[in-house]
């Protein structure tokens, strides 16, 4: 009896398309499994019993094509694949909805582990944890060293006014999910707007750069950076600010938001910033702004999840505690900005 395939990816239709476009790639019936844990776009592993591949498609019932643009994701990893940035090799882009019901792309399967929590790092020991996290910073430096024009990504975004647009965008997101008092969040938003830093030369930015968006190999090196759906051209320090936020202790041992900072051997935020600055040559003196912006952005995202939960639109473990996190993120944002 053949395994039941998850919704959103018909194995026979996929195989027929692959046989037409990449003859010889697939040698038998396809087994499709959904990879759990994705934030937005759906990710599947596909195997014929010999080879393995990964398929990405938009969420089921997606409405805004631009929010889940497969062509854009495929384009950025295609541009980065020949560089020092580890990304899976892209194999095929299909923009024809008639094949599986939406656009999708196929890429190589990369062996590796996504470490989501400090608890997962603990068994590795301090030395291995330190190597992995510092390697994540070095990979970010490699990404920001890529000349977008040289890899066909010179028009991948609009870097002029990037920070101002980002701040306005997340302010609108906040307004769209306001249904309770959130002391300090308007103060944080306004303070960020008053102290916008001058951005360095634009680079490709990942947009959600953190440990669990990377696959780590058995040798403790980063084998692939995943989930490029937020990528664009913009201010590279937004990636670093987000990584620092995710590497900070939020003081809640049972938080549904994963951070890796509690594992023995994990470098401190100051050490990560110093590593990035030394290897990239960039001025990181304004990084408190970027980190505070990351706290604000996550507070808005979490408030949106909490808002949908109160409307009964989100179910699952941990969602009932998301709302309690938002004031903590706001406080960290204000404190970070004041300390800077």
Protein backbone atom coordinates (compact mmCIF):
# COMPACT_ATOMS: atom_id res chain seq x y z
CA UNK A 1 0.00 0.00 0.00
CA UNK A 2 1.52 3.34 -1.07
CA UNK A 3 1.95 6.02 1.62
CA UNK A 4 -0.64 8.79 1.84
CA UNK A 5 0.84 12.01 0.46
CA UNK A 6 0.35 15.29 2.34
CA UNK A 7 -1.94 17.91 0.81
CA UNK A 8 -0.50 20.39 -1.65
CA UNK A 9 1.83 18.13 -3.62
CA UNK A 10 0.54 15.30 -5.82
CA UNK A 11 3.47 12.88 -6.35
CA UNK A 12 2.25 11.60 -9.72
CA UNK A 13 1.78 15.05 -11.19
CA UNK A 14 5.15 16.14 -9.80
CA UNK A 15 6.86 13.10 -11.26
CA UNK A 16 5.27 13.64 -14.66
CA UNK A 17 6.57 17.22 -14.71
CA UNK A 18 10.06 16.19 -13.58
CA UNK A 19 10.20 13.46 -16.23
CA UNK A 20 9.37 16.05 -18.89
CA UNK A 21 11.68 18.80 -17.64
CA UNK A 22 14.56 16.82 -16.10
CA UNK A 23 14.44 13.39 -17.77
CA UNK A 24 16.40 10.75 -15.91
CA UNK A 25 16.37 12.58 -12.55
CA UNK A 26 13.67 10.37 -11.02
CA UNK A 27 13.87 6.59 -11.23
CA UNK A 28 10.64 5.43 -9.61
CA UNK A 29 7.43 6.40 -7.78
CA UNK A 30 7.79 9.40 -5.50
CA UNK A 31 7.21 9.39 -1.75
CA UNK A 32 6.33 12.90 -0.49
CA UNK A 33 6.61 14.09 3.13
CA UNK A 34 5.82 17.53 4.54
CA UNK A 35 8.62 19.04 6.66
CA UNK A 36 7.06 20.45 9.82
CA UNK A 37 8.11 23.74 11.36
CA UNK A 38 7.97 26.09 8.38
CA UNK A 39 6.73 29.58 9.14
CA UNK A 40 4.92 30.22 5.88
CA UNK A 41 5.75 28.51 2.61
CA UNK A 42 5.39 24.72 2.59
CA UNK A 43 8.46 22.50 2.31
CA UNK A 44 8.39 18.84 1.30
CA UNK A 45 11.01 16.13 0.98
CA UNK A 46 10.60 13.92 -2.07
CA UNK A 47 12.35 10.60 -2.76
CA UNK A 48 12.24 7.84 -5.34
CA UNK A 49 14.03 5.49 -2.93
CA UNK A 50 17.46 6.46 -4.25
CA UNK A 51 17.64 10.24 -4.63
CA UNK A 52 16.12 12.91 -2.40
CA UNK A 53 14.97 16.40 -3.27
CA UNK A 54 13.12 19.29 -1.64
CA UNK A 55 10.06 21.06 -3.04
CA UNK A 56 8.84 24.50 -1.92
CA UNK A 57 5.38 25.88 -2.64
CA UNK A 58 3.13 28.60 -1.17
CA UNK A 59 0.75 27.75 1.68
CA UNK A 60 -2.56 26.13 0.79
CA UNK A 61 -5.19 28.72 0.00
CA UNK A 62 -2.63 31.51 -0.41
CA UNK A 63 -4.02 34.76 -1.77
CA UNK A 64 -1.18 37.24 -2.15
CA UNK A 65 1.18 35.88 -4.79
CA UNK A 66 3.85 38.47 -3.93
CA UNK A 67 3.97 37.28 -0.32
CA UNK A 68 4.85 33.75 -1.35
CA UNK A 69 6.83 34.34 -4.54
CA UNK A 70 8.47 31.09 -5.63
CA UNK A 71 10.23 32.76 -8.53
CA UNK A 72 11.86 35.21 -6.15
CA UNK A 73 13.08 32.50 -3.74
CA UNK A 74 14.38 30.42 -6.65
CA UNK A 75 16.12 33.46 -8.08
CA UNK A 76 18.04 34.35 -4.93
CA UNK A 77 19.35 30.83 -4.29
CA UNK A 78 20.24 30.53 -8.00
CA UNK A 79 22.29 33.72 -7.71
CA UNK A 80 23.96 32.68 -4.46
CA UNK A 81 24.68 29.03 -5.28
CA UNK A 82 27.97 29.72 -7.13
CA UNK A 83 29.22 31.95 -4.26
CA UNK A 84 30.69 31.12 -0.84
CA UNK A 85 27.18 31.24 0.66
CA UNK A 86 25.96 27.67 1.26
CA UNK A 87 22.53 27.21 -0.32
CA UNK A 88 20.90 24.13 -1.86
CA UNK A 89 21.37 23.78 -5.60
CA UNK A 90 18.17 24.89 -7.38
CA UNK A 91 17.06 22.35 -9.98
CA UNK A 92 13.78 23.56 -11.44
CA UNK A 93 11.24 26.38 -11.18
CA UNK A 94 7.64 25.77 -12.29
CA UNK A 95 5.33 28.79 -12.58
CA UNK A 96 2.47 26.77 -14.08
CA UNK A 97 -0.33 26.42 -11.51
CA UNK A 98 -1.84 23.49 -13.40
CA UNK A 99 0.92 21.05 -12.32
CA UNK A 100 0.35 20.93 -8.54
CA UNK A 101 -2.06 23.85 -8.01
CA UNK A 102 0.52 26.58 -7.43
CA UNK A 103 4.00 27.64 -8.55
CA UNK A 104 6.82 25.62 -6.95
CA UNK A 105 10.51 24.93 -7.20
CA UNK A 106 12.71 21.91 -6.67
CA UNK A 107 16.17 21.97 -5.09
CA UNK A 108 18.71 19.47 -3.88
CA UNK A 109 18.30 17.85 -0.46
CA UNK A 110 21.07 18.93 1.91
CA UNK A 111 21.95 16.69 4.86
CA UNK A 112 22.09 18.65 8.10
CA UNK A 113 20.40 19.55 11.38
CA UNK A 114 18.42 22.72 12.14
CA UNK A 115 19.08 23.56 15.80
CA UNK A 116 15.99 25.34 17.09
CA UNK A 117 16.61 25.57 20.84
CA UNK A 118 19.36 25.77 23.42
CA UNK A 119 18.28 22.33 24.66
CA UNK A 120 19.21 20.81 21.29
CA UNK A 121 22.68 22.35 21.47
CA UNK A 122 23.45 21.27 25.04
CA UNK A 123 24.39 17.63 24.19
CA UNK A 124 27.00 18.90 21.70
CA UNK A 125 29.05 20.52 24.45
CA UNK A 126 30.42 24.08 24.72
CA UNK A 127 33.16 23.83 22.07
CA UNK A 128 30.92 22.51 19.31
CA UNK A 129 28.16 24.97 20.18
CA UNK A 130 30.62 27.85 20.00
CA UNK A 131 31.94 26.67 16.62
CA UNK A 132 28.44 26.37 15.16
CA UNK A 133 27.25 29.81 16.26
CA UNK A 134 30.45 31.58 15.20
CA UNK A 135 30.18 29.76 11.87
CA UNK A 136 26.70 31.20 11.48
CA UNK A 137 28.17 34.70 11.86
CA UNK A 138 30.92 33.92 9.34
CA UNK A 139 28.30 32.71 6.85
CA UNK A 140 26.40 35.97 7.32
CA UNK A 141 29.61 37.88 6.53
CA UNK A 142 29.97 35.80 3.36
CA UNK A 143 26.40 36.63 2.35
CA UNK A 144 26.92 40.35 2.86
CA UNK A 145 30.19 40.22 0.90
CA UNK A 146 28.39 39.10 -2.29
CA UNK A 147 28.12 41.84 -4.93
CA UNK A 148 24.43 41.65 -5.94
CA UNK A 149 25.10 42.87 -9.47
CA UNK A 150 27.75 40.20 -10.06
CA UNK A 151 25.27 37.39 -9.32
CA UNK A 152 22.33 38.79 -11.25
CA UNK A 153 20.59 40.30 -8.21
CA UNK A 154 21.29 43.97 -8.84
CA UNK A 155 17.55 44.70 -9.13
CA UNK A 156 16.41 42.30 -6.42
CA UNK A 157 15.09 45.09 -4.19
CA UNK A 158 14.84 48.83 -3.57
CA UNK A 159 17.54 49.61 -1.03
CA UNK A 160 16.96 53.39 -1.01
CA UNK A 161 14.98 54.30 2.10
CA UNK A 162 15.02 50.65 3.20
CA UNK A 163 14.97 51.24 6.97
CA UNK A 164 12.27 53.88 6.81
CA UNK A 165 10.07 51.58 4.68
CA UNK A 166 10.66 48.66 7.03
CA UNK A 167 9.69 50.72 10.06
CA UNK A 168 6.52 51.99 8.34
CA UNK A 169 5.64 48.49 7.14
CA UNK A 170 5.82 46.96 10.61
CA UNK A 171 3.97 49.95 12.06
CA UNK A 172 1.09 49.21 9.66
CA UNK A 173 1.24 45.53 10.62
CA UNK A 174 0.88 46.57 14.26
CA UNK A 175 -2.13 48.76 13.50
CA UNK A 176 -3.78 45.86 11.67
CA UNK A 177 -3.73 43.67 14.78
CA UNK A 178 -4.43 46.15 17.58
CA UNK A 179 -7.07 44.90 19.96
CA UNK A 180 -5.53 45.65 23.36
CA UNK A 181 -3.27 48.12 25.12
CA UNK A 182 0.44 47.47 24.62
CA UNK A 183 2.31 49.90 26.87
CA UNK A 184 5.56 51.12 25.32
CA UNK A 185 5.11 49.87 21.78
CA UNK A 186 4.22 53.26 20.27
CA UNK A 187 7.07 54.81 22.25
CA UNK A 188 9.46 52.20 20.81
CA UNK A 189 8.19 52.72 17.26
CA UNK A 190 8.52 56.50 17.54
CA UNK A 191 12.00 56.31 19.10
CA UNK A 192 13.20 54.04 16.29
CA UNK A 193 11.83 56.54 13.76
CA UNK A 194 13.64 59.46 15.41
CA UNK A 195 17.02 57.72 15.37
CA UNK A 196 17.22 55.99 11.97
CA UNK A 197 20.87 55.15 11.29
CA UNK A 198 22.60 55.83 7.99
CA UNK A 199 22.66 52.53 6.13
CA UNK A 200 25.88 51.11 4.69
CA UNK A 201 26.04 50.01 1.04
CA UNK A 202 23.17 47.61 0.32
CA UNK A 203 23.65 43.87 0.15
CA UNK A 204 21.48 40.81 -0.26
CA UNK A 205 19.76 40.42 3.12
CA UNK A 206 18.17 37.17 4.25
CA UNK A 207 15.44 38.81 6.32
CA UNK A 208 15.05 36.03 8.92
CA UNK A 209 18.61 35.03 9.70
CA UNK A 210 18.86 32.73 12.72
CA UNK A 211 20.24 29.36 13.71
CA UNK A 212 17.16 27.29 12.90
CA UNK A 213 17.12 28.61 9.33
CA UNK A 214 20.46 26.90 8.74
CA UNK A 215 21.38 23.25 8.32
CA UNK A 216 24.47 22.26 10.30
CA UNK A 217 26.55 19.29 9.18
CA UNK A 218 28.21 16.57 11.23
CA UNK A 219 31.43 18.64 11.11
CA UNK A 220 29.57 21.54 12.82
CA UNK A 221 29.75 23.80 9.76
CA UNK A 222 26.80 25.49 8.05
CA UNK A 223 25.84 23.33 5.07
CA UNK A 224 22.88 25.39 3.84
CA UNK A 225 20.99 28.55 4.70
CA UNK A 226 17.26 28.05 4.12
CA UNK A 227 13.99 30.01 3.97
CA UNK A 228 14.81 32.95 1.70
CA UNK A 229 11.22 34.16 1.40
CA UNK A 230 11.99 37.47 3.18
CA UNK A 231 15.19 38.18 1.22
CA UNK A 232 15.77 41.42 -0.66
CA UNK A 233 18.40 44.12 -1.19
CA UNK A 234 18.79 46.31 1.86
CA UNK A 235 20.74 47.16 4.98
CA UNK A 236 22.93 44.19 6.00
CA UNK A 237 22.89 45.18 9.66
CA UNK A 238 19.18 44.27 9.88
CA UNK A 239 20.26 40.62 9.50
CA UNK A 240 22.84 41.00 12.24
CA UNK A 241 20.39 42.79 14.56
CA UNK A 242 17.91 39.94 14.15
CA UNK A 243 20.58 37.32 14.83
CA UNK A 244 21.63 39.19 17.97
CA UNK A 245 18.02 39.33 19.14
CA UNK A 246 17.63 35.57 18.62
CA UNK A 247 20.93 35.05 20.47
CA UNK A 248 19.79 37.03 23.52
CA UNK A 249 18.32 35.65 26.72
CA UNK A 250 14.70 36.80 26.92
CA UNK A 251 14.43 35.60 30.50
CA UNK A 252 11.58 33.15 29.92
CA UNK A 253 12.65 29.52 30.30
CA UNK A 254 9.53 28.08 28.65
CA UNK A 255 9.19 30.55 25.77
CA UNK A 256 7.44 29.34 22.60
CA UNK A 257 9.87 31.54 20.64
CA UNK A 258 13.08 29.60 20.14
CA UNK A 259 16.39 31.15 21.14
CA UNK A 260 19.72 29.39 21.41
CA UNK A 261 21.43 31.65 23.95
CA UNK A 262 21.16 29.37 26.99
CA UNK A 263 23.42 26.62 25.69
CA UNK A 264 26.86 26.37 27.34
CA UNK A 265 29.52 27.72 25.00
CA UNK A 266 27.11 29.98 23.10
CA UNK A 267 28.97 33.24 22.34
CA UNK A 268 27.55 36.40 23.89
CA UNK A 269 25.81 38.97 21.67
CA UNK A 270 28.81 41.29 22.12
CA UNK A 271 31.15 38.57 20.89
CA UNK A 272 28.97 37.90 17.84
CA UNK A 273 28.93 41.60 16.96
CA UNK A 274 32.71 41.81 17.40
CA UNK A 275 33.19 38.75 15.16
CA UNK A 276 30.99 40.22 12.44
CA UNK A 277 32.70 43.62 12.60
CA UNK A 278 36.20 42.15 12.49
CA UNK A 279 35.47 39.85 9.54
CA UNK A 280 33.29 42.22 7.52
CA UNK A 281 35.06 45.51 8.22
CA UNK A 282 31.66 47.14 8.78
CA UNK A 283 30.91 49.77 11.38
CA UNK A 284 28.59 48.17 13.96
CA UNK A 285 28.45 51.13 16.35
CA UNK A 286 24.73 51.67 15.67
CA UNK A 287 23.80 48.03 16.19
CA UNK A 288 21.67 48.76 19.25
CA UNK A 289 19.17 50.40 16.85
CA UNK A 290 19.07 47.32 14.60
CA UNK A 291 18.65 44.99 17.56
CA UNK A 292 15.90 47.17 19.04
CA UNK A 293 14.19 47.15 15.64
CA UNK A 294 14.37 43.34 15.65
CA UNK A 295 12.68 43.26 19.08
CA UNK A 296 9.97 45.60 17.73
CA UNK A 297 9.47 43.56 14.56
CA UNK A 298 9.10 40.32 16.55
CA UNK A 299 6.74 42.00 19.00
CA UNK A 300 4.52 42.99 16.06
CA UNK A 301 4.68 39.48 14.55
CA UNK A 302 3.83 37.89 17.91
CA UNK A 303 0.97 40.33 18.48
CA UNK A 304 -0.42 39.38 15.07
CA UNK A 305 -0.32 35.70 16.05
CA UNK A 306 -1.94 36.53 19.40
CA UNK A 307 -4.64 38.58 17.63
CA UNK A 308 -5.48 35.68 15.28
CA UNK A 309 -5.50 33.32 18.28
CA UNK A 310 -8.08 35.50 20.08
CA UNK A 311 -10.25 35.31 16.96
CA UNK A 312 -10.00 31.51 16.94
CA UNK A 313 -8.02 31.51 13.69
CA UNK A 314 -4.89 29.86 15.09
CA UNK A 315 -4.80 26.58 16.96
CA UNK A 316 -1.95 24.52 18.32
CA UNK A 317 0.43 24.16 21.26
CA UNK A 318 1.97 27.33 22.64
CA UNK A 319 -0.25 29.87 20.88
CA UNK A 320 -2.08 30.63 24.13
CA UNK A 321 1.19 31.93 25.61
CA UNK A 322 2.27 34.11 22.66
CA UNK A 323 0.37 37.14 23.94
CA UNK A 324 2.33 37.16 27.20
CA UNK A 325 5.58 37.42 25.27
CA UNK A 326 4.76 40.67 23.48
CA UNK A 327 5.32 43.03 26.47
CA UNK A 328 8.65 41.26 27.13
CA UNK A 329 9.82 41.96 23.57
CA UNK A 330 8.67 45.58 23.80
CA UNK A 331 10.63 46.03 27.05
CA UNK A 332 13.76 44.50 25.54
CA UNK A 333 13.43 46.82 22.54
CA UNK A 334 13.14 49.93 24.70
CA UNK A 335 16.02 48.85 26.95
CA UNK A 336 18.26 48.03 23.99
CA UNK A 337 17.61 51.41 22.35
CA UNK A 338 18.24 53.30 25.60
CA UNK A 339 21.47 51.43 26.26
CA UNK A 340 22.69 52.21 22.73
